[in-house]
All heavy atoms as atom14 arrays in JSON, in Angstrom:
{
  "sequence": "FHEIDLSNQQATQTLFETEKPKRVLHLAAQPGVRHSLDHPQ",
  "atom14_mask": [
    [1, 1, 1, 1, 1, 1, 1, 1, 1, 1, 1, 0, 0, 0],
    [1, 1, 1, 1, 1, 1, 1, 1, 1, 1, 0, 0, 0, 0],
    [1, 1, 1, 1, 1, 1, 1, 1, 1, 0, 0, 0, 0, 0],
    [1, 1, 1, 1, 1, 1, 1, 1, 0, 0, 0, 0, 0, 0],
    [1, 1, 1, 1, 1, 1, 1, 1, 0, 0, 0, 0, 0, 0],
    [1, 1, 1, 1, 1, 1, 1, 1, 0, 0, 0, 0, 0, 0],
    [1, 1, 1, 1, 1, 1, 0, 0, 0, 0, 0, 0, 0, 0],
    [1, 1, 1, 1, 1, 1, 1, 1, 0, 0, 0, 0, 0, 0],
    [1, 1, 1, 1, 1, 1, 1, 1, 1, 0, 0, 0, 0, 0],
    [1, 1, 1, 1, 1, 1, 1, 1, 1, 0, 0, 0, 0, 0],
    [1, 1, 1, 1, 1, 0, 0, 0, 0, 0, 0, 0, 0, 0],
    [1, 1, 1, 1, 1, 1, 1, 0, 0, 0, 0, 0, 0, 0],
    [1, 1, 1, 1, 1, 1, 1, 1, 1, 0, 0, 0, 0, 0],
    [1, 1, 1, 1, 1, 1, 1, 0, 0, 0, 0, 0, 0, 0],
    [1, 1, 1, 1, 1, 1, 1, 1, 0, 0, 0, 0, 0, 0],
    [1, 1, 1, 1, 1, 1, 1, 1, 1, 1, 1, 0, 0, 0],
    [1, 1, 1, 1, 1, 1, 1, 1, 1, 0, 0, 0, 0, 0],
    [1, 1, 1, 1, 1, 1, 1, 0, 0, 0, 0, 0, 0, 0],
    [1, 1, 1, 1, 1, 1, 1, 1, 1, 0, 0, 0, 0, 0],
    [1, 1, 1, 1, 1, 1, 1, 1, 1, 0, 0, 0, 0, 0],
    [1, 1, 1, 1, 1, 1, 1, 0, 0, 0, 0, 0, 0, 0],
    [1, 1, 1, 1, 1, 1, 1, 1, 1, 0, 0, 0, 0, 0],
    [1, 1, 1, 1, 1, 1, 1, 1, 1, 1, 1, 0, 0, 0],
    [1, 1, 1, 1, 1, 1, 1, 0, 0, 0, 0, 0, 0, 0],
    [1, 1, 1, 1, 1, 1, 1, 1, 0, 0, 0, 0, 0, 0],
    [1, 1, 1, 1, 1, 1, 1, 1, 1, 1, 0, 0, 0, 0],
    [1, 1, 1, 1, 1, 1, 1, 1, 0, 0, 0, 0, 0, 0],
    [1, 1, 1, 1, 1, 0, 0, 0, 0, 0, 0, 0, 0, 0],
    [1, 1, 1, 1, 1, 0, 0, 0, 0, 0, 0, 0, 0, 0],
    [1, 1, 1, 1, 1, 1, 1, 1, 1, 0, 0, 0, 0, 0],
    [1, 1, 1, 1, 1, 1, 1, 0, 0, 0, 0, 0, 0, 0],
    [1, 1, 1, 1, 0, 0, 0, 0, 0, 0, 0, 0, 0, 0],
    [1, 1, 1, 1, 1, 1, 1, 0, 0, 0, 0, 0, 0, 0],
    [1, 1, 1, 1, 1, 1, 1, 1, 1, 1, 1, 0, 0, 0],
    [1, 1, 1, 1, 1, 1, 1, 1, 1, 1, 0, 0, 0, 0],
    [1, 1, 1, 1, 1, 1, 0, 0, 0, 0, 0, 0, 0, 0],
    [1, 1, 1, 1, 1, 1, 1, 1, 0, 0, 0, 0, 0, 0],
    [1, 1, 1, 1, 1, 1, 1, 1, 0, 0, 0, 0, 0, 0],
    [1, 1, 1, 1, 1, 1, 1, 1, 1, 1, 0, 0, 0, 0],
    [1, 1, 1, 1, 1, 1, 1, 0, 0, 0, 0, 0, 0, 0],
    [1, 1, 1, 1, 1, 1, 1, 1, 1, 0, 0, 0, 0, 0]
  ],
  "atom14_positions": [
    [[9.15, -1.87, -3.36], [8.9, -0.54, -3.89], [8.22, -0.6, -5.28], [8.66, -1.44, -6.12], [10.21, 0.24, -3.99], [10.09, 1.59, -4.65], [9.38, 2.58, -3.98], [10.61, 1.87, -5.89], [9.21, 3.84, -4.55], [10.45, 3.1, -6.47], [9.8, 4.11, -5.8], [0.0, 0.0, 0.0], [0.0, 0.0, 0.0], [0.0, 0.0, 0.0]],
    [[7.3, 0.28, -5.52], [6.63, 0.41, -6.81], [6.82, 1.88, -7.22], [6.4, 2.77, -6.54], [5.15, 0.12, -6.76], [4.83, -1.28, -6.35], [4.63, -2.31, -7.3], [4.67, -1.9, -5.18], [4.33, -3.43, -6.66], [4.36, -3.19, -5.37], [0.0, 0.0, 0.0], [0.0, 0.0, 0.0], [0.0, 0.0, 0.0], [0.0, 0.0, 0.0]],
    [[7.39, 2.14, -8.42], [7.51, 3.46, -8.96], [6.24, 3.73, -9.76], [6.05, 3.27, -10.88], [8.73, 3.67, -9.83], [8.92, 5.09, -10.28], [10.2, 5.35, -11.05], [11.14, 4.5, -10.96], [10.32, 6.39, -11.7], [0.0, 0.0, 0.0], [0.0, 0.0, 0.0], [0.0, 0.0, 0.0], [0.0, 0.0, 0.0], [0.0, 0.0, 0.0]],
    [[5.27, 4.47, -9.13], [3.94, 4.65, -9.71], [3.53, 6.13, -9.52], [3.75, 6.68, -8.46], [2.9, 3.73, -9.1], [3.14, 2.26, -9.47], [1.43, 4.12, -9.41], [2.25, 1.27, -8.76], [0.0, 0.0, 0.0], [0.0, 0.0, 0.0], [0.0, 0.0, 0.0], [0.0, 0.0, 0.0], [0.0, 0.0, 0.0], [0.0, 0.0, 0.0]],
    [[2.9, 6.68, -10.51], [2.27, 8.0, -10.37], [0.79, 7.68, -10.01], [0.07, 7.1, -10.81], [2.37, 8.73, -11.7], [1.81, 10.14, -11.58], [0.99, 10.4, -10.73], [2.27, 11.0, -12.36], [0.0, 0.0, 0.0], [0.0, 0.0, 0.0], [0.0, 0.0, 0.0], [0.0, 0.0, 0.0], [0.0, 0.0, 0.0], [0.0, 0.0, 0.0]],
    [[0.41, 8.1, -8.81], [-0.92, 7.8, -8.31], [-2.0, 8.5, -9.11], [-3.18, 8.13, -8.99], [-1.02, 8.15, -6.86], [-0.15, 7.31, -5.94], [-0.11, 7.9, -4.54], [-0.57, 5.83, -5.86], [0.0, 0.0, 0.0], [0.0, 0.0, 0.0], [0.0, 0.0, 0.0], [0.0, 0.0, 0.0], [0.0, 0.0, 0.0], [0.0, 0.0, 0.0]],
    [[-1.67, 9.46, -9.88], [-2.71, 10.12, -10.77], [-3.06, 9.22, -11.95], [-4.04, 9.48, -12.65], [-2.26, 11.47, -11.26], [-1.17, 11.39, -12.11], [0.0, 0.0, 0.0], [0.0, 0.0, 0.0], [0.0, 0.0, 0.0], [0.0, 0.0, 0.0], [0.0, 0.0, 0.0], [0.0, 0.0, 0.0], [0.0, 0.0, 0.0], [0.0, 0.0, 0.0]],
    [[-2.33, 8.11, -12.15], [-2.62, 7.11, -13.16], [-3.64, 6.16, -12.52], [-3.3, 5.35, -11.71], [-1.36, 6.4, -13.61], [-1.56, 5.38, -14.67], [-2.59, 4.65, -14.66], [-0.67, 5.23, -15.56], [0.0, 0.0, 0.0], [0.0, 0.0, 0.0], [0.0, 0.0, 0.0], [0.0, 0.0, 0.0], [0.0, 0.0, 0.0], [0.0, 0.0, 0.0]],
    [[-4.88, 6.28, -12.94], [-5.97, 5.49, -12.31], [-5.77, 3.98, -12.42], [-5.95, 3.23, -11.48], [-7.33, 5.93, -12.86], [-8.54, 5.35, -12.14], [-8.93, 3.99, -12.71], [-8.66, 3.65, -13.83], [-9.54, 3.17, -11.86], [0.0, 0.0, 0.0], [0.0, 0.0, 0.0], [0.0, 0.0, 0.0], [0.0, 0.0, 0.0], [0.0, 0.0, 0.0]],
    [[-5.38, 3.53, -13.63], [-5.24, 2.08, -13.82], [-4.11, 1.54, -13.02], [-4.19, 0.43, -12.4], [-5.05, 1.8, -15.31], [-4.99, 0.28, -15.65], [-6.29, -0.42, -15.2], [-7.39, -0.08, -15.63], [-6.15, -1.44, -14.35], [0.0, 0.0, 0.0], [0.0, 0.0, 0.0], [0.0, 0.0, 0.0], [0.0, 0.0, 0.0], [0.0, 0.0, 0.0]],
    [[-2.97, 2.25, -13.01], [-1.79, 1.77, -12.25], [-2.11, 1.72, -10.76], [-1.7, 0.75, -10.07], [-0.62, 2.68, -12.52], [0.0, 0.0, 0.0], [0.0, 0.0, 0.0], [0.0, 0.0, 0.0], [0.0, 0.0, 0.0], [0.0, 0.0, 0.0], [0.0, 0.0, 0.0], [0.0, 0.0, 0.0], [0.0, 0.0, 0.0], [0.0, 0.0, 0.0]],
    [[-2.84, 2.67, -10.27], [-3.21, 2.7, -8.82], [-4.17, 1.58, -8.5], [-4.05, 0.88, -7.49], [-3.78, 4.07, -8.41], [-2.86, 5.1, -8.81], [-4.01, 4.14, -6.96], [0.0, 0.0, 0.0], [0.0, 0.0, 0.0], [0.0, 0.0, 0.0], [0.0, 0.0, 0.0], [0.0, 0.0, 0.0], [0.0, 0.0, 0.0], [0.0, 0.0, 0.0]],
    [[-5.14, 1.35, -9.4], [-6.11, 0.29, -9.16], [-5.37, -1.09, -9.15], [-5.67, -1.9, -8.25], [-7.13, 0.27, -10.24], [-8.17, -0.84, -10.16], [-9.16, -0.8, -11.32], [-9.52, 0.25, -11.81], [-9.63, -1.97, -11.69], [0.0, 0.0, 0.0], [0.0, 0.0, 0.0], [0.0, 0.0, 0.0], [0.0, 0.0, 0.0], [0.0, 0.0, 0.0]],
    [[-4.49, -1.27, -10.09], [-3.7, -2.53, -10.11], [-2.87, -2.74, -8.88], [-2.75, -3.86, -8.34], [-2.84, -2.56, -11.36], [-3.64, -2.44, -12.52], [-2.04, -3.84, -11.47], [0.0, 0.0, 0.0], [0.0, 0.0, 0.0], [0.0, 0.0, 0.0], [0.0, 0.0, 0.0], [0.0, 0.0, 0.0], [0.0, 0.0, 0.0], [0.0, 0.0, 0.0]],
    [[-2.26, -1.65, -8.4], [-1.44, -1.71, -7.16], [-2.31, -2.22, -6.01], [-1.9, -3.15, -5.27], [-0.94, -0.3, -6.85], [-0.26, -0.12, -5.5], [1.08, -0.81, -5.47], [-0.13, 1.33, -5.12], [0.0, 0.0, 0.0], [0.0, 0.0, 0.0], [0.0, 0.0, 0.0], [0.0, 0.0, 0.0], [0.0, 0.0, 0.0], [0.0, 0.0, 0.0]],
    [[-3.49, -1.69, -5.8], [-4.31, -2.07, -4.67], [-4.85, -3.5, -4.85], [-4.85, -4.31, -3.88], [-5.46, -1.12, -4.49], [-5.19, 0.08, -3.68], [-4.64, 1.25, -4.26], [-5.4, 0.1, -2.29], [-4.35, 2.35, -3.52], [-5.12, 1.2, -1.54], [-4.58, 2.34, -2.15], [0.0, 0.0, 0.0], [0.0, 0.0, 0.0], [0.0, 0.0, 0.0]],
    [[-5.17, -3.89, -6.09], [-5.65, -5.24, -6.31], [-4.58, -6.28, -6.14], [-4.83, -7.41, -5.66], [-6.16, -5.34, -7.76], [-7.45, -4.58, -7.99], [-7.87, -4.51, -9.47], [-7.05, -4.91, -10.35], [-9.04, -4.11, -9.74], [0.0, 0.0, 0.0], [0.0, 0.0, 0.0], [0.0, 0.0, 0.0], [0.0, 0.0, 0.0], [0.0, 0.0, 0.0]],
    [[-3.3, -5.88, -6.45], [-2.18, -6.82, -6.29], [-1.73, -6.92, -4.84], [-1.49, -8.03, -4.36], [-1.02, -6.37, -7.17], [-1.51, -6.3, -8.54], [0.14, -7.36, -7.11], [0.0, 0.0, 0.0], [0.0, 0.0, 0.0], [0.0, 0.0, 0.0], [0.0, 0.0, 0.0], [0.0, 0.0, 0.0], [0.0, 0.0, 0.0], [0.0, 0.0, 0.0]],
    [[-1.54, -5.82, -4.2], [-0.92, -5.8, -2.87], [-1.89, -6.05, -1.71], [-1.57, -6.55, -0.71], [-0.2, -4.5, -2.65], [1.03, -4.3, -3.58], [2.17, -5.3, -3.27], [2.02, -6.12, -2.29], [3.19, -5.3, -3.96], [0.0, 0.0, 0.0], [0.0, 0.0, 0.0], [0.0, 0.0, 0.0], [0.0, 0.0, 0.0], [0.0, 0.0, 0.0]],
    [[-3.18, -5.58, -1.88], [-4.17, -5.79, -0.87], [-3.7, -5.32, 0.53], [-3.66, -6.14, 1.47], [-4.64, -7.25, -0.82], [-5.27, -7.72, -2.13], [-5.72, -9.19, -2.02], [-6.46, -9.63, -3.26], [-5.63, -9.55, -4.48], [0.0, 0.0, 0.0], [0.0, 0.0, 0.0], [0.0, 0.0, 0.0], [0.0, 0.0, 0.0], [0.0, 0.0, 0.0]],
    [[-3.33, -4.07, 0.7], [-2.84, -3.61, 2.0], [-3.91, -3.56, 3.03], [-5.11, -3.34, 2.72], [-2.34, -2.19, 1.69], [-3.12, -1.75, 0.55], [-3.41, -2.96, -0.29], [0.0, 0.0, 0.0], [0.0, 0.0, 0.0], [0.0, 0.0, 0.0], [0.0, 0.0, 0.0], [0.0, 0.0, 0.0], [0.0, 0.0, 0.0], [0.0, 0.0, 0.0]],
    [[-3.56, -3.75, 4.31], [-4.47, -3.63, 5.41], [-4.67, -2.17, 5.81], [-5.79, -1.75, 6.17], [-4.01, -4.42, 6.63], [-4.2, -5.94, 6.48], [-5.67, -6.3, 6.53], [-5.88, -7.8, 6.53], [-7.35, -8.13, 6.5], [0.0, 0.0, 0.0], [0.0, 0.0, 0.0], [0.0, 0.0, 0.0], [0.0, 0.0, 0.0], [0.0, 0.0, 0.0]],
    [[-3.6, -1.43, 5.85], [-3.63, -0.01, 6.15], [-2.86, 0.77, 5.11], [-1.93, 0.25, 4.47], [-2.98, 0.25, 7.56], [-3.7, -0.46, 8.66], [-3.02, -0.24, 10.0], [-3.65, -1.07, 11.03], [-3.12, -1.29, 12.24], [-1.95, -0.71, 12.59], [-3.74, -1.99, 13.13], [0.0, 0.0, 0.0], [0.0, 0.0, 0.0], [0.0, 0.0, 0.0]],
    [[-3.24, 2.01, 4.95], [-2.57, 2.9, 4.0], [-2.18, 4.2, 4.69], [-2.97, 4.83, 5.37], [-3.53, 3.2, 2.82], [-2.85, 4.26, 1.87], [-3.82, 1.95, 2.02], [0.0, 0.0, 0.0], [0.0, 0.0, 0.0], [0.0, 0.0, 0.0], [0.0, 0.0, 0.0], [0.0, 0.0, 0.0], [0.0, 0.0, 0.0], [0.0, 0.0, 0.0]],
    [[-0.92, 4.55, 4.51], [-0.4, 5.84, 4.98], [-0.07, 6.63, 3.74], [0.89, 6.37, 3.01], [0.86, 5.63, 5.83], [1.53, 6.9, 6.38], [0.56, 7.76, 7.16], [2.75, 6.55, 7.21], [0.0, 0.0, 0.0], [0.0, 0.0, 0.0], [0.0, 0.0, 0.0], [0.0, 0.0, 0.0], [0.0, 0.0, 0.0], [0.0, 0.0, 0.0]],
    [[-0.94, 7.6, 3.4], [-0.84, 8.34, 2.18], [-0.12, 9.7, 2.43], [-0.69, 10.64, 2.99], [-2.22, 8.64, 1.62], [-2.2, 9.43, 0.35], [-1.55, 9.01, -0.78], [-2.72, 10.66, 0.07], [-1.67, 9.94, -1.73], [-2.39, 10.97, -1.28], [0.0, 0.0, 0.0], [0.0, 0.0, 0.0], [0.0, 0.0, 0.0], [0.0, 0.0, 0.0]],
    [[1.15, 9.72, 2.02], [2.0, 10.86, 2.22], [2.39, 11.53, 0.89], [3.04, 12.56, 0.89], [3.23, 10.5, 3.06], [2.97, 9.93, 4.4], [4.31, 9.42, 5.05], [2.34, 10.97, 5.34], [0.0, 0.0, 0.0], [0.0, 0.0, 0.0], [0.0, 0.0, 0.0], [0.0, 0.0, 0.0], [0.0, 0.0, 0.0], [0.0, 0.0, 0.0]],
    [[2.15, 10.83, -0.25], [2.52, 11.41, -1.53], [1.7, 12.63, -1.86], [0.51, 12.65, -1.61], [2.28, 10.33, -2.63], [0.0, 0.0, 0.0], [0.0, 0.0, 0.0], [0.0, 0.0, 0.0], [0.0, 0.0, 0.0], [0.0, 0.0, 0.0], [0.0, 0.0, 0.0], [0.0, 0.0, 0.0], [0.0, 0.0, 0.0], [0.0, 0.0, 0.0]],
    [[2.38, 13.63, -2.36], [1.74, 14.86, -2.72], [2.76, 15.76, -3.48], [3.94, 15.54, -3.38], [1.23, 15.61, -1.51], [0.0, 0.0, 0.0], [0.0, 0.0, 0.0], [0.0, 0.0, 0.0], [0.0, 0.0, 0.0], [0.0, 0.0, 0.0], [0.0, 0.0, 0.0], [0.0, 0.0, 0.0], [0.0, 0.0, 0.0], [0.0, 0.0, 0.0]],
    [[2.22, 16.73, -4.24], [3.1, 17.78, -4.75], [3.19, 18.82, -3.65], [2.17, 19.46, -3.33], [2.46, 18.37, -5.98], [3.19, 19.65, -6.51], [4.65, 19.36, -6.85], [4.93, 18.5, -7.63], [5.56, 20.14, -6.3], [0.0, 0.0, 0.0], [0.0, 0.0, 0.0], [0.0, 0.0, 0.0], [0.0, 0.0, 0.0], [0.0, 0.0, 0.0]],
    [[4.38, 19.0, -3.01], [4.49, 19.94, -1.92], [4.88, 21.32, -2.39], [5.11, 21.58, -3.6], [5.65, 19.35, -1.13], [6.53, 18.71, -2.16], [5.6, 18.23, -3.26], [0.0, 0.0, 0.0], [0.0, 0.0, 0.0], [0.0, 0.0, 0.0], [0.0, 0.0, 0.0], [0.0, 0.0, 0.0], [0.0, 0.0, 0.0], [0.0, 0.0, 0.0]],
    [[4.86, 22.27, -1.49], [5.37, 23.6, -1.75], [4.29, 24.63, -1.93], [3.62, 24.68, -2.91], [0.0, 0.0, 0.0], [0.0, 0.0, 0.0], [0.0, 0.0, 0.0], [0.0, 0.0, 0.0], [0.0, 0.0, 0.0], [0.0, 0.0, 0.0], [0.0, 0.0, 0.0], [0.0, 0.0, 0.0], [0.0, 0.0, 0.0], [0.0, 0.0, 0.0]],
    [[4.16, 25.55, -0.96], [3.19, 26.67, -1.04], [3.57, 27.59, -2.16], [2.74, 27.9, -3.06], [3.16, 27.39, 0.29], [2.34, 28.69, 0.14], [2.48, 26.55, 1.37], [0.0, 0.0, 0.0], [0.0, 0.0, 0.0], [0.0, 0.0, 0.0], [0.0, 0.0, 0.0], [0.0, 0.0, 0.0], [0.0, 0.0, 0.0], [0.0, 0.0, 0.0]],
    [[4.83, 27.99, -2.25], [5.21, 29.01, -3.21], [5.19, 28.46, -4.63], [4.81, 29.17, -5.57], [6.65, 29.55, -2.87], [6.64, 30.33, -1.57], [8.06, 30.54, -1.02], [8.01, 31.11, 0.35], [8.95, 31.03, 1.24], [10.11, 30.39, 0.91], [8.83, 31.56, 2.41], [0.0, 0.0, 0.0], [0.0, 0.0, 0.0], [0.0, 0.0, 0.0]],
    [[5.62, 27.21, -4.8], [5.57, 26.6, -6.15], [4.18, 26.58, -6.71], [3.98, 26.67, -7.91], [6.18, 25.2, -6.04], [6.42, 24.52, -7.36], [7.4, 24.93, -8.23], [5.82, 23.51, -7.95], [7.39, 24.19, -9.34], [6.46, 23.26, -9.16], [0.0, 0.0, 0.0], [0.0, 0.0, 0.0], [0.0, 0.0, 0.0], [0.0, 0.0, 0.0]],
    [[3.19, 26.41, -5.79], [1.79, 26.29, -6.3], [1.3, 27.61, -6.91], [0.29, 27.63, -7.63], [0.89, 25.83, -5.17], [0.71, 26.87, -4.21], [0.0, 0.0, 0.0], [0.0, 0.0, 0.0], [0.0, 0.0, 0.0], [0.0, 0.0, 0.0], [0.0, 0.0, 0.0], [0.0, 0.0, 0.0], [0.0, 0.0, 0.0], [0.0, 0.0, 0.0]],
    [[1.91, 28.69, -6.61], [1.52, 30.0, -7.13], [1.6, 30.07, -8.63], [0.77, 30.68, -9.31], [2.27, 31.17, -6.45], [2.21, 31.22, -4.94], [3.03, 32.46, -4.47], [0.83, 31.32, -4.42], [0.0, 0.0, 0.0], [0.0, 0.0, 0.0], [0.0, 0.0, 0.0], [0.0, 0.0, 0.0], [0.0, 0.0, 0.0], [0.0, 0.0, 0.0]],
    [[2.69, 29.47, -9.18], [2.98, 29.57, -10.61], [2.81, 28.26, -11.34], [2.83, 28.26, -12.56], [4.39, 30.11, -10.81], [4.59, 31.46, -10.21], [3.75, 32.35, -10.4], [5.63, 31.68, -9.53], [0.0, 0.0, 0.0], [0.0, 0.0, 0.0], [0.0, 0.0, 0.0], [0.0, 0.0, 0.0], [0.0, 0.0, 0.0], [0.0, 0.0, 0.0]],
    [[2.67, 27.17, -10.62], [2.59, 25.85, -11.25], [1.38, 25.05, -10.67], [1.6, 24.09, -9.92], [3.92, 25.06, -11.06], [5.11, 25.77, -11.56], [5.8, 26.66, -10.8], [5.74, 25.78, -12.76], [6.83, 27.16, -11.49], [6.8, 26.63, -12.68], [0.0, 0.0, 0.0], [0.0, 0.0, 0.0], [0.0, 0.0, 0.0], [0.0, 0.0, 0.0]],
    [[0.2, 25.5, -10.97], [-0.98, 24.84, -10.35], [-1.26, 23.41, -10.8], [-1.78, 22.59, -10.01], [-2.11, 25.76, -10.72], [-1.67, 26.45, -12.0], [-0.23, 26.64, -11.82], [0.0, 0.0, 0.0], [0.0, 0.0, 0.0], [0.0, 0.0, 0.0], [0.0, 0.0, 0.0], [0.0, 0.0, 0.0], [0.0, 0.0, 0.0], [0.0, 0.0, 0.0]],
    [[-0.97, 23.09, -12.03], [-1.37, 21.81, -12.59], [-0.88, 20.59, -11.82], [-1.6, 19.63, -11.58], [-1.01, 21.66, -14.04], [-1.79, 20.65, -14.8], [-3.37, 20.83, -14.75], [-3.83, 21.96, -14.83], [-4.11, 19.75, -14.52], [0.0, 0.0, 0.0], [0.0, 0.0, 0.0], [0.0, 0.0, 0.0], [0.0, 0.0, 0.0], [0.0, 0.0, 0.0]]
  ]
}
């Protein structure tokens, strides 16, 4: 496990360079339709 914020470009680049995955399943996201109405950032 790596605790990383993927919006951090350098941390994400280092992750891929270090781990060299064959496949990626990207499920990380800010969820919630209603929350997005008042908290867009």
